Amino acid sequence: MKERITVTVDKDLLKWVDKNIDTKIFANRSHAMEFLIKQKILEEKK
């Protein structure tokens, strides 16, 4: 189950996320944040 949250991020970070949405790396901002958080979790498990 997913839960809606609100986050505040630096404008440059948001520009990077939006650029990657435009180039079809991520479907949307939620997808980007979820993917990046999961990647960090996997990195920490190593």
N, C-alpha and C. Protein backbone atom coordinates (compact mmCIF):
# COMPACT_ATOMS: atom_id res chain seq x y z
N MET A 1 0.84 -1.17 0.00
CA MET A 1 0.00 0.00 0.00
C MET A 1 0.89 1.24 0.00
N LYS A 2 0.54 2.19 -0.81
CA LYS A 2 1.32 3.43 -0.88
C LYS A 2 0.63 4.51 -0.08
N GLU A 3 1.44 5.43 0.43
CA GLU A 3 0.90 6.53 1.22
C GLU A 3 1.41 7.84 0.65
N ARG A 4 0.55 8.81 0.56
CA ARG A 4 0.91 10.14 0.04
C ARG A 4 1.69 10.91 1.11
N ILE A 5 2.79 11.53 0.68
CA ILE A 5 3.58 12.37 1.57
C ILE A 5 3.90 13.68 0.83
N THR A 6 4.43 14.62 1.55
CA THR A 6 4.89 15.87 0.96
C THR A 6 6.35 16.04 1.32
N VAL A 7 7.17 16.40 0.33
CA VAL A 7 8.58 16.64 0.58
C VAL A 7 8.98 17.99 0.00
N THR A 8 10.02 18.56 0.58
CA THR A 8 10.58 19.81 0.08
C THR A 8 12.00 19.49 -0.38
N VAL A 9 12.32 19.86 -1.62
CA VAL A 9 13.64 19.56 -2.16
C VAL A 9 14.24 20.80 -2.80
N ASP A 10 15.55 20.79 -2.92
CA ASP A 10 16.28 21.85 -3.55
C ASP A 10 15.85 22.00 -5.02
N LYS A 11 15.80 23.22 -5.51
CA LYS A 11 15.35 23.47 -6.90
C LYS A 11 16.23 22.75 -7.92
N ASP A 12 17.54 22.71 -7.69
CA ASP A 12 18.43 22.04 -8.64
C ASP A 12 18.16 20.53 -8.67
N LEU A 13 17.87 19.95 -7.53
CA LEU A 13 17.52 18.53 -7.49
C LEU A 13 16.23 18.28 -8.25
N LEU A 14 15.26 19.14 -8.05
CA LEU A 14 13.99 18.99 -8.75
C LEU A 14 14.16 19.16 -10.26
N LYS A 15 15.02 20.07 -10.68
CA LYS A 15 15.32 20.23 -12.11
C LYS A 15 15.90 18.94 -12.67
N TRP A 16 16.80 18.30 -11.92
CA TRP A 16 17.41 17.04 -12.35
C TRP A 16 16.34 15.96 -12.49
N VAL A 17 15.46 15.86 -11.51
CA VAL A 17 14.38 14.87 -11.56
C VAL A 17 13.49 15.14 -12.78
N ASP A 18 13.08 16.39 -12.96
CA ASP A 18 12.21 16.73 -14.09
C ASP A 18 12.88 16.46 -15.43
N LYS A 19 14.17 16.72 -15.52
CA LYS A 19 14.90 16.43 -16.76
C LYS A 19 14.86 14.93 -17.06
N ASN A 20 15.00 14.12 -16.02
CA ASN A 20 14.96 12.68 -16.21
C ASN A 20 13.55 12.16 -16.48
N ILE A 21 12.55 12.89 -16.09
CA ILE A 21 11.17 12.56 -16.48
C ILE A 21 10.99 12.88 -17.96
N ASP A 22 11.50 14.03 -18.38
CA ASP A 22 11.39 14.43 -19.80
C ASP A 22 12.07 13.44 -20.73
N THR A 23 13.17 12.84 -20.27
CA THR A 23 13.90 11.88 -21.11
C THR A 23 13.44 10.44 -20.86
N LYS A 24 12.33 10.29 -20.16
CA LYS A 24 11.67 9.00 -19.93
C LYS A 24 12.45 8.05 -19.02
N ILE A 25 13.36 8.58 -18.22
CA ILE A 25 14.05 7.75 -17.23
C ILE A 25 13.06 7.38 -16.12
N PHE A 26 12.29 8.37 -15.69
CA PHE A 26 11.26 8.17 -14.66
C PHE A 26 9.90 8.54 -15.26
N ALA A 27 8.85 7.89 -14.78
CA ALA A 27 7.50 8.18 -15.26
C ALA A 27 6.99 9.51 -14.70
N ASN A 28 7.33 9.78 -13.44
CA ASN A 28 6.87 11.00 -12.78
C ASN A 28 7.73 11.23 -11.53
N ARG A 29 7.45 12.29 -10.81
CA ARG A 29 8.26 12.61 -9.62
C ARG A 29 8.15 11.53 -8.55
N SER A 30 6.97 10.98 -8.36
CA SER A 30 6.81 9.92 -7.36
C SER A 30 7.65 8.70 -7.72
N HIS A 31 7.63 8.34 -9.00
CA HIS A 31 8.43 7.20 -9.46
C HIS A 31 9.91 7.46 -9.20
N ALA A 32 10.36 8.67 -9.48
CA ALA A 32 11.77 9.02 -9.28
C ALA A 32 12.16 8.88 -7.81
N MET A 33 11.37 9.44 -6.93
CA MET A 33 11.70 9.39 -5.50
C MET A 33 11.68 7.96 -4.98
N GLU A 34 10.67 7.20 -5.38
CA GLU A 34 10.58 5.81 -4.92
C GLU A 34 11.77 5.00 -5.44
N PHE A 35 12.11 5.16 -6.70
CA PHE A 35 13.24 4.44 -7.28
C PHE A 35 14.54 4.79 -6.56
N LEU A 36 14.78 6.07 -6.36
CA LEU A 36 16.04 6.50 -5.74
C LEU A 36 16.14 6.05 -4.29
N ILE A 37 15.04 6.06 -3.57
CA ILE A 37 15.06 5.58 -2.18
C ILE A 37 15.34 4.08 -2.15
N LYS A 38 14.70 3.32 -3.04
CA LYS A 38 14.95 1.88 -3.10
C LYS A 38 16.41 1.58 -3.45
N GLN A 39 16.98 2.37 -4.38
CA GLN A 39 18.39 2.19 -4.75
C GLN A 39 19.30 2.42 -3.54
N LYS A 40 19.00 3.42 -2.75
CA LYS A 40 19.79 3.71 -1.55
C LYS A 40 19.69 2.57 -0.55
N ILE A 41 18.51 2.01 -0.37
CA ILE A 41 18.33 0.88 0.53
C ILE A 41 19.16 -0.30 0.06
N LEU A 42 19.11 -0.61 -1.24
CA LEU A 42 19.90 -1.71 -1.77
C LEU A 42 21.40 -1.47 -1.60
N GLU A 43 21.82 -0.23 -1.80
CA GLU A 43 23.23 0.14 -1.63
C GLU A 43 23.68 -0.08 -0.18
N GLU A 44 22.85 0.27 0.76
CA GLU A 44 23.19 0.11 2.18
C GLU A 44 23.24 -1.35 2.60
N LYS A 45 22.48 -2.20 1.92
CA LYS A 45 22.48 -3.63 2.26
C LYS A 45 23.74 -4.34 1.82
N LYS A 46 24.48 -3.74 0.89
CA LYS A 46 25.71 -4.37 0.38
C LYS A 46 26.82 -4.31 1.39
